[in-house]
Amino acid sequence: MAMSRPVVSGIDGAVTRAPGSIELVFARAPGRGSYVVRQYASYPFHVCRTHRFAGDLAGMVTLYLQSCAGGIFEHDRLHQAVAVETGAEAHPEATIIAGDSFLMHDPTASGRVFDWLANEIAVEAPTGETVSLDRSIARGATMAAGLPGIGGRFRAHGSLVILHRSGGMAQLLDALRGALADGGGLYAGVSTLPSGAGACVRLLAEDGAALRAGLEAAWSAARLVLTGGVPSRRRK
């Protein structure tokens, strides 16, 4: 998946848009806070209605973007553009928090394992330059063996990438490490991304419940540092 600007943006007044594009314009209305004043979405994007949650920043809206496809596939090129008008509550220089995870599971409980999984998370600049590239390969038989120093007792893996260039990196790293210090069935590491692009969290967990708790703790810690408030419970 590549994230970049649309080839031709309707936000700038043009009428031709790239396939797989999402364009959003946020504005502020007196007494209402921010809202979506204009939007465009082509397959596979679907824009849901905005939500406001107690405990969030004043004037902030939550907007869910859904995919009509079965996932993100090889060679997909998805384009996003966001414009924020005067007074609207948003990040013109957005911070992206993206999670990725997998776990061992045999629905038949017969001891079967998957063959192998190859995973890649690439962060690209609008110019196409690769800023960060993380690749991993996991083999089911190796994970099931529980070998010390390789997988051990951990059967679930996850990562959280925080793309953020607005400073305060030391505080962000400290908050993430503090949120994951208690363990709780986790083995975690936190590091910076190359070129000052942000931070990365890597998690090994005993099961899916521990992995989810760790990812949510890291997400909450990052949100507190970046926005001054923790995320309230979402429906999705």
C-alpha atoms as a PDB file:
ATOM      1  CA  MET A   1       0.000   0.000   0.000  1.00  0.00           C
ATOM      2  CA  ALA A   2       1.254   3.473  -0.839  1.00  0.00           C
ATOM      3  CA  MET A   3      -0.109   6.587   0.770  1.00  0.00           C
ATOM      4  CA  SER A   4       0.329   9.736  -1.312  1.00  0.00           C
ATOM      5  CA  ARG A   5      -1.443  12.802  -2.583  1.00  0.00           C
ATOM      6  CA  PRO A   6      -4.121  12.365  -5.260  1.00  0.00           C
ATOM      7  CA  VAL A   7      -2.790  12.716  -8.791  1.00  0.00           C
ATOM      8  CA  VAL A   8      -5.371  15.443  -9.360  1.00  0.00           C
ATOM      9  CA  SER A   9      -7.185  16.796  -6.340  1.00  0.00           C
ATOM     10  CA  GLY A  10     -10.802  17.892  -6.363  1.00  0.00           C
ATOM     11  CA  ILE A  11      -9.974  19.921  -3.240  1.00  0.00           C
ATOM     12  CA  ASP A  12      -7.922  22.195  -5.495  1.00  0.00           C
ATOM     13  CA  GLY A  13     -10.810  22.621  -7.888  1.00  0.00           C
ATOM     14  CA  ALA A  14      -9.972  20.010 -10.529  1.00  0.00           C
ATOM     15  CA  VAL A  15     -12.572  17.504 -11.676  1.00  0.00           C
ATOM     16  CA  THR A  16     -10.387  14.461 -12.480  1.00  0.00           C
ATOM     17  CA  ARG A  17      -9.334  12.270  -9.576  1.00  0.00           C
ATOM     18  CA  ALA A  18      -7.068   9.262  -9.240  1.00  0.00           C
ATOM     19  CA  PRO A  19      -8.663   5.824  -8.660  1.00  0.00           C
ATOM     20  CA  GLY A  20      -8.761   4.744  -5.028  1.00  0.00           C
ATOM     21  CA  SER A  21      -8.980   8.306  -3.683  1.00  0.00           C
ATOM     22  CA  ILE A  22     -10.459   9.893  -0.595  1.00  0.00           C
ATOM     23  CA  GLU A  23     -10.744  13.673  -0.203  1.00  0.00           C
ATOM     24  CA  LEU A  24     -12.113  15.439   2.868  1.00  0.00           C
ATOM     25  CA  VAL A  25     -12.562  19.117   3.719  1.00  0.00           C
ATOM     26  CA  PHE A  26     -13.161  20.069   7.357  1.00  0.00           C
ATOM     27  CA  ALA A  27     -14.713  23.390   8.383  1.00  0.00           C
ATOM     28  CA  ARG A  28     -15.901  24.943  11.620  1.00  0.00           C
ATOM     29  CA  ALA A  29     -19.454  26.067  12.323  1.00  0.00           C
ATOM     30  CA  PRO A  30     -20.247  28.443  15.221  1.00  0.00           C
ATOM     31  CA  GLY A  31     -21.390  26.402  18.187  1.00  0.00           C
ATOM     32  CA  ARG A  32     -20.943  23.073  16.385  1.00  0.00           C
ATOM     33  CA  GLY A  33     -17.205  22.590  16.199  1.00  0.00           C
ATOM     34  CA  SER A  34     -15.623  20.854  13.225  1.00  0.00           C
ATOM     35  CA  TYR A  35     -17.565  18.995  10.569  1.00  0.00           C
ATOM     36  CA  VAL A  36     -17.038  17.623   7.064  1.00  0.00           C
ATOM     37  CA  VAL A  37     -18.134  20.318   4.621  1.00  0.00           C
ATOM     38  CA  ARG A  38     -17.113  18.482   1.448  1.00  0.00           C
ATOM     39  CA  GLN A  39     -16.079  14.931   0.633  1.00  0.00           C
ATOM     40  CA  TYR A  40     -15.253  12.627  -2.258  1.00  0.00           C
ATOM     41  CA  ALA A  41     -14.630   8.873  -2.090  1.00  0.00           C
ATOM     42  CA  SER A  42     -14.028   6.275  -4.784  1.00  0.00           C
ATOM     43  CA  TYR A  43     -13.658   2.504  -4.438  1.00  0.00           C
ATOM     44  CA  PRO A  44     -12.674   1.027  -2.041  1.00  0.00           C
ATOM     45  CA  PHE A  45     -13.280   3.945   0.350  1.00  0.00           C
ATOM     46  CA  HIS A  46     -16.538   4.611   2.175  1.00  0.00           C
ATOM     47  CA  VAL A  47     -17.022   7.629   4.439  1.00  0.00           C
ATOM     48  CA  CYS A  48     -19.191   7.140   7.544  1.00  0.00           C
ATOM     49  CA  ARG A  49     -20.897   9.922   9.452  1.00  0.00           C
ATOM     50  CA  THR A  50     -18.972  11.900  12.055  1.00  0.00           C
ATOM     51  CA  HIS A  51     -19.147  11.085  15.772  1.00  0.00           C
ATOM     52  CA  ARG A  52     -18.493  13.109  18.915  1.00  0.00           C
ATOM     53  CA  PHE A  53     -17.380  11.288  22.050  1.00  0.00           C
ATOM     54  CA  ALA A  54     -17.380  12.471  25.640  1.00  0.00           C
ATOM     55  CA  GLY A  55     -13.849  13.054  26.866  1.00  0.00           C
ATOM     56  CA  ASP A  56     -12.430  14.038  23.465  1.00  0.00           C
ATOM     57  CA  LEU A  57     -11.021  17.477  22.756  1.00  0.00           C
ATOM     58  CA  ALA A  58     -13.589  20.248  22.410  1.00  0.00           C
ATOM     59  CA  GLY A  59     -14.737  20.587  18.820  1.00  0.00           C
ATOM     60  CA  MET A  60     -13.081  17.370  17.678  1.00  0.00           C
ATOM     61  CA  VAL A  61     -14.946  14.875  15.525  1.00  0.00           C
ATOM     62  CA  THR A  62     -14.218  11.201  14.890  1.00  0.00           C
ATOM     63  CA  LEU A  63     -14.679  10.008  11.325  1.00  0.00           C
ATOM     64  CA  TYR A  64     -14.547   6.334  10.340  1.00  0.00           C
ATOM     65  CA  LEU A  65     -13.285   5.414   6.891  1.00  0.00           C
ATOM     66  CA  GLN A  66     -14.275   1.941   5.732  1.00  0.00           C
ATOM     67  CA  SER A  67     -13.108  -0.253   2.877  1.00  0.00           C
ATOM     68  CA  CYS A  68     -15.561  -2.009   0.555  1.00  0.00           C
ATOM     69  CA  ALA A  69     -12.801  -4.431  -0.485  1.00  0.00           C
ATOM     70  CA  GLY A  70     -11.789  -7.578   1.353  1.00  0.00           C
ATOM     71  CA  GLY A  71      -8.517  -5.939   2.409  1.00  0.00           C
ATOM     72  CA  ILE A  72      -5.475  -4.139   1.034  1.00  0.00           C
ATOM     73  CA  PHE A  73      -3.900  -6.159  -1.746  1.00  0.00           C
ATOM     74  CA  GLU A  74      -0.635  -6.243  -3.628  1.00  0.00           C
ATOM     75  CA  HIS A  75      -0.200  -3.312  -6.042  1.00  0.00           C
ATOM     76  CA  ASP A  76      -3.026  -1.321  -4.448  1.00  0.00           C
ATOM     77  CA  ARG A  77      -2.403   2.425  -4.573  1.00  0.00           C
ATOM     78  CA  LEU A  78      -4.619   4.421  -2.233  1.00  0.00           C
ATOM     79  CA  HIS A  79      -4.591   8.221  -2.157  1.00  0.00           C
ATOM     80  CA  GLN A  80      -5.745  10.508   0.647  1.00  0.00           C
ATOM     81  CA  ALA A  81      -6.055  14.286   0.828  1.00  0.00           C
ATOM     82  CA  VAL A  82      -7.365  16.335   3.762  1.00  0.00           C
ATOM     83  CA  ALA A  83      -7.957  20.095   3.792  1.00  0.00           C
ATOM     84  CA  VAL A  84      -8.702  22.004   7.013  1.00  0.00           C
ATOM     85  CA  GLU A  85     -10.377  25.384   6.780  1.00  0.00           C
ATOM     86  CA  THR A  86      -9.822  28.270   9.189  1.00  0.00           C
ATOM     87  CA  GLY A  87     -10.853  27.491  12.765  1.00  0.00           C
ATOM     88  CA  ALA A  88     -11.498  23.781  12.256  1.00  0.00           C
ATOM     89  CA  GLU A  89     -10.137  21.315  14.820  1.00  0.00           C
ATOM     90  CA  ALA A  90      -7.761  19.032  12.927  1.00  0.00           C
ATOM     91  CA  HIS A  91      -4.070  18.383  12.157  1.00  0.00           C
ATOM     92  CA  PRO A  92      -3.025  19.955   8.841  1.00  0.00           C
ATOM     93  CA  GLU A  93       0.304  18.111   9.468  1.00  0.00           C
ATOM     94  CA  ALA A  94      -1.377  14.837  10.439  1.00  0.00           C
ATOM     95  CA  THR A  95      -0.050  12.217  12.826  1.00  0.00           C
ATOM     96  CA  ILE A  96      -0.774   8.687  11.651  1.00  0.00           C
ATOM     97  CA  ILE A  97      -1.120   5.855  14.171  1.00  0.00           C
ATOM     98  CA  ALA A  98      -1.357   2.506  12.384  1.00  0.00           C
ATOM     99  CA  GLY A  99      -1.523  -0.939  13.971  1.00  0.00           C
ATOM    100  CA  ASP A 100      -0.729  -4.374  12.564  1.00  0.00           C
ATOM    101  CA  SER A 101      -0.995  -7.784  14.236  1.00  0.00           C
ATOM    102  CA  PHE A 102      -1.402 -11.546  13.807  1.00  0.00           C
ATOM    103  CA  LEU A 103      -1.739 -14.561  16.098  1.00  0.00           C
ATOM    104  CA  MET A 104      -1.638 -18.360  16.056  1.00  0.00           C
ATOM    105  CA  HIS A 105      -5.115 -19.865  15.811  1.00  0.00           C
ATOM    106  CA  ASP A 106      -6.417 -23.228  14.652  1.00  0.00           C
ATOM    107  CA  PRO A 107     -10.241 -23.134  14.480  1.00  0.00           C
ATOM    108  CA  THR A 108     -10.402 -26.939  14.428  1.00  0.00           C
ATOM    109  CA  ALA A 109      -8.206 -27.288  17.553  1.00  0.00           C
ATOM    110  CA  SER A 110      -6.336 -30.117  15.825  1.00  0.00           C
ATOM    111  CA  GLY A 111      -2.843 -28.712  16.288  1.00  0.00           C
ATOM    112  CA  ARG A 112      -2.434 -27.405  12.750  1.00  0.00           C
ATOM    113  CA  VAL A 113      -0.230 -24.374  12.031  1.00  0.00           C
ATOM    114  CA  PHE A 114       0.056 -21.976   9.123  1.00  0.00           C
ATOM    115  CA  ASP A 115       2.912 -22.387   6.653  1.00  0.00           C
ATOM    116  CA  TRP A 116       4.473 -18.926   6.644  1.00  0.00           C
ATOM    117  CA  LEU A 117       3.567 -15.245   6.731  1.00  0.00           C
ATOM    118  CA  ALA A 118       5.547 -12.475   5.057  1.00  0.00           C
ATOM    119  CA  ASN A 119       4.726  -8.969   6.281  1.00  0.00           C
ATOM    120  CA  GLU A 120       5.946  -5.548   5.154  1.00  0.00           C
ATOM    121  CA  ILE A 121       5.191  -2.049   6.446  1.00  0.00           C
ATOM    122  CA  ALA A 122       6.547   0.672   4.165  1.00  0.00           C
ATOM    123  CA  VAL A 123       6.374   4.400   4.854  1.00  0.00           C
ATOM    124  CA  GLU A 124       6.802   6.577   1.778  1.00  0.00           C
ATOM    125  CA  ALA A 125       7.146  10.337   1.381  1.00  0.00           C
ATOM    126  CA  PRO A 126       4.898  12.127  -1.156  1.00  0.00           C
ATOM    127  CA  THR A 127       7.915  12.115  -3.483  1.00  0.00           C
ATOM    128  CA  GLY A 128       7.934   8.318  -3.458  1.00  0.00           C
ATOM    129  CA  GLU A 129      11.079   8.114  -1.331  1.00  0.00           C
ATOM    130  CA  THR A 130      11.054   5.246   1.188  1.00  0.00           C
ATOM    131  CA  VAL A 131      11.297   6.690   4.702  1.00  0.00           C
ATOM    132  CA  SER A 132      10.982   3.450   6.656  1.00  0.00           C
ATOM    133  CA  LEU A 133      10.759  -0.204   5.642  1.00  0.00           C
ATOM    134  CA  ASP A 134      10.016  -3.046   8.069  1.00  0.00           C
ATOM    135  CA  ARG A 135       9.968  -6.626   6.783  1.00  0.00           C
ATOM    136  CA  SER A 136       9.422  -9.861   8.675  1.00  0.00           C
ATOM    137  CA  ILE A 137       8.760 -13.531   7.941  1.00  0.00           C
ATOM    138  CA  ALA A 138       7.125 -15.868  10.459  1.00  0.00           C
ATOM    139  CA  ARG A 139       6.862 -19.648  10.046  1.00  0.00           C
ATOM    140  CA  GLY A 140       4.050 -21.467  11.819  1.00  0.00           C
ATOM    141  CA  ALA A 141       6.120 -24.521  12.761  1.00  0.00           C
ATOM    142  CA  THR A 142       8.803 -22.333  14.337  1.00  0.00           C
ATOM    143  CA  MET A 143       6.277 -20.342  16.356  1.00  0.00           C
ATOM    144  CA  ALA A 144       4.471 -23.495  17.506  1.00  0.00           C
ATOM    145  CA  ALA A 145       7.754 -25.017  18.707  1.00  0.00           C
ATOM    146  CA  GLY A 146       8.111 -22.278  21.344  1.00  0.00           C
ATOM    147  CA  LEU A 147      11.890 -22.134  20.961  1.00  0.00           C
ATOM    148  CA  PRO A 148      13.692 -19.925  23.521  1.00  0.00           C
ATOM    149  CA  GLY A 149      15.107 -16.785  21.967  1.00  0.00           C
ATOM    150  CA  ILE A 150      12.852 -17.050  18.902  1.00  0.00           C
ATOM    151  CA  GLY A 151       9.190 -17.251  19.827  1.00  0.00           C
ATOM    152  CA  GLY A 152       9.130 -18.753  23.281  1.00  0.00           C
ATOM    153  CA  ARG A 153       5.692 -18.694  24.862  1.00  0.00           C
ATOM    154  CA  PHE A 154       4.504 -15.807  22.671  1.00  0.00           C
ATOM    155  CA  ARG A 155       1.901 -16.736  20.052  1.00  0.00           C
ATOM    156  CA  ALA A 156       0.704 -13.261  19.014  1.00  0.00           C
ATOM    157  CA  HIS A 157       2.697 -10.487  17.360  1.00  0.00           C
ATOM    158  CA  GLY A 158       1.808  -6.844  16.817  1.00  0.00           C
ATOM    159  CA  SER A 159       3.253  -3.459  15.960  1.00  0.00           C
ATOM    160  CA  LEU A 160       2.200   0.165  16.172  1.00  0.00           C
ATOM    161  CA  VAL A 161       3.682   2.809  13.886  1.00  0.00           C
ATOM    162  CA  ILE A 162       3.346   6.466  14.892  1.00  0.00           C
ATOM    163  CA  LEU A 163       4.249   8.854  12.075  1.00  0.00           C
ATOM    164  CA  HIS A 164       4.901  12.218  13.695  1.00  0.00           C
ATOM    165  CA  ARG A 165       7.375  14.976  12.747  1.00  0.00           C
ATOM    166  CA  SER A 166       6.343  17.816  15.059  1.00  0.00           C
ATOM    167  CA  GLY A 167       8.896  17.250  17.832  1.00  0.00           C
ATOM    168  CA  GLY A 168       8.498  15.945  21.374  1.00  0.00           C
ATOM    169  CA  MET A 169       9.910  12.543  20.423  1.00  0.00           C
ATOM    170  CA  ALA A 170      11.660  11.935  23.759  1.00  0.00           C
ATOM    171  CA  GLN A 171       8.396  12.475  25.644  1.00  0.00           C
ATOM    172  CA  LEU A 172       6.553  10.185  23.254  1.00  0.00           C
ATOM    173  CA  LEU A 173       9.100   7.372  23.658  1.00  0.00           C
ATOM    174  CA  ASP A 174       9.031   7.682  27.466  1.00  0.00           C
ATOM    175  CA  ALA A 175       5.216   7.539  27.488  1.00  0.00           C
ATOM    176  CA  LEU A 176       5.116   4.454  25.261  1.00  0.00           C
ATOM    177  CA  ARG A 177       7.720   2.612  27.320  1.00  0.00           C
ATOM    178  CA  GLY A 178       5.947   3.520  30.536  1.00  0.00           C
ATOM    179  CA  ALA A 179       2.605   2.264  29.229  1.00  0.00           C
ATOM    180  CA  LEU A 180       4.126  -1.135  28.389  1.00  0.00           C
ATOM    181  CA  ALA A 181       6.423  -1.517  31.399  1.00  0.00           C
ATOM    182  CA  ASP A 182       4.083  -3.679  33.498  1.00  0.00           C
ATOM    183  CA  GLY A 183       4.253  -6.677  31.179  1.00  0.00           C
ATOM    184  CA  GLY A 184       0.916  -8.434  31.527  1.00  0.00           C
ATOM    185  CA  GLY A 185       1.837 -11.285  29.182  1.00  0.00           C
ATOM    186  CA  LEU A 186       3.780  -8.937  26.888  1.00  0.00           C
ATOM    187  CA  TYR A 187       7.324  -8.471  25.703  1.00  0.00           C
ATOM    188  CA  ALA A 188       7.632  -5.030  24.114  1.00  0.00           C
ATOM    189  CA  GLY A 189      10.154  -2.725  22.521  1.00  0.00           C
ATOM    190  CA  VAL A 190       9.971   0.930  21.451  1.00  0.00           C
ATOM    191  CA  SER A 191      12.288   2.737  19.052  1.00  0.00           C
ATOM    192  CA  THR A 192      12.435   5.731  16.723  1.00  0.00           C
ATOM    193  CA  LEU A 193      11.851   5.502  12.996  1.00  0.00           C
ATOM    194  CA  PRO A 194      14.565   6.619  10.555  1.00  0.00           C
ATOM    195  CA  SER A 195      14.830  10.244   9.436  1.00  0.00           C
ATOM    196  CA  GLY A 196      12.862  11.501  12.446  1.00  0.00           C
ATOM    197  CA  ALA A 197       9.639  10.115  10.996  1.00  0.00           C
ATOM    198  CA  GLY A 198       8.200   8.998  14.344  1.00  0.00           C
ATOM    199  CA  ALA A 199       8.203   5.930  16.567  1.00  0.00           C
ATOM    200  CA  CYS A 200       7.574   2.202  16.310  1.00  0.00           C
ATOM    201  CA  VAL A 201       6.288  -0.239  18.932  1.00  0.00           C
ATOM    202  CA  ARG A 202       6.832  -3.985  18.569  1.00  0.00           C
ATOM    203  CA  LEU A 203       4.861  -6.394  20.765  1.00  0.00           C
ATOM    204  CA  LEU A 204       5.043 -10.111  21.488  1.00  0.00           C
ATOM    205  CA  ALA A 205       2.110 -11.460  23.482  1.00  0.00           C
ATOM    206  CA  GLU A 206       1.009 -14.735  25.035  1.00  0.00           C
ATOM    207  CA  ASP A 207      -2.443 -14.472  23.471  1.00  0.00           C
ATOM    208  CA  GLY A 208      -4.773 -12.174  21.574  1.00  0.00           C
ATOM    209  CA  ALA A 209      -6.218 -10.571  24.710  1.00  0.00           C
ATOM    210  CA  ALA A 210      -2.779  -9.533  25.969  1.00  0.00           C
ATOM    211  CA  LEU A 211      -1.858  -8.225  22.519  1.00  0.00           C
ATOM    212  CA  ARG A 212      -4.986  -6.109  22.270  1.00  0.00           C
ATOM    213  CA  ALA A 213      -4.413  -4.678  25.753  1.00  0.00           C
ATOM    214  CA  GLY A 214      -0.840  -3.766  24.832  1.00  0.00           C
ATOM    215  CA  LEU A 215      -1.802  -2.111  21.551  1.00  0.00           C
ATOM    216  CA  GLU A 216      -4.555  -0.116  23.253  1.00  0.00           C
ATOM    217  CA  ALA A 217      -2.199   0.973  26.056  1.00  0.00           C
ATOM    218  CA  ALA A 218       0.382   2.200  23.537  1.00  0.00           C
ATOM    219  CA  TRP A 219      -2.286   3.963  21.451  1.00  0.00           C
ATOM    220  CA  SER A 220      -3.705   5.678  24.526  1.00  0.00           C
ATOM    221  CA  ALA A 221      -0.243   6.814  25.695  1.00  0.00           C
ATOM    222  CA  ALA A 222       0.569   8.236  22.270  1.00  0.00           C
ATOM    223  CA  ARG A 223      -2.742  10.098  22.064  1.00  0.00           C
ATOM    224  CA  LEU A 224      -2.178  11.631  25.502  1.00  0.00           C
ATOM    225  CA  VAL A 225       1.211  13.013  24.493  1.00  0.00           C
ATOM    226  CA  LEU A 226       0.135  14.196  21.049  1.00  0.00           C
ATOM    227  CA  THR A 227      -3.281  15.694  21.845  1.00  0.00           C
ATOM    228  CA  GLY A 228      -3.434  16.118  25.620  1.00  0.00           C
ATOM    229  CA  GLY A 229      -6.237  13.558  26.018  1.00  0.00           C
ATOM    230  CA  VAL A 230      -6.667   9.800  25.910  1.00  0.00           C
ATOM    231  CA  PRO A 231      -9.051   8.211  23.381  1.00  0.00           C
ATOM    232  CA  SER A 232     -12.494   7.344  24.656  1.00  0.00           C
ATOM    233  CA  ARG A 233     -13.944   3.916  23.906  1.00  0.00           C
ATOM    234  CA  ARG A 234     -14.897   3.511  20.243  1.00  0.00           C
ATOM    235  CA  ARG A 235     -17.539   1.207  18.859  1.00  0.00           C
ATOM    236  CA  LYS A 236     -15.071  -0.236  16.315  1.00  0.00           C
END
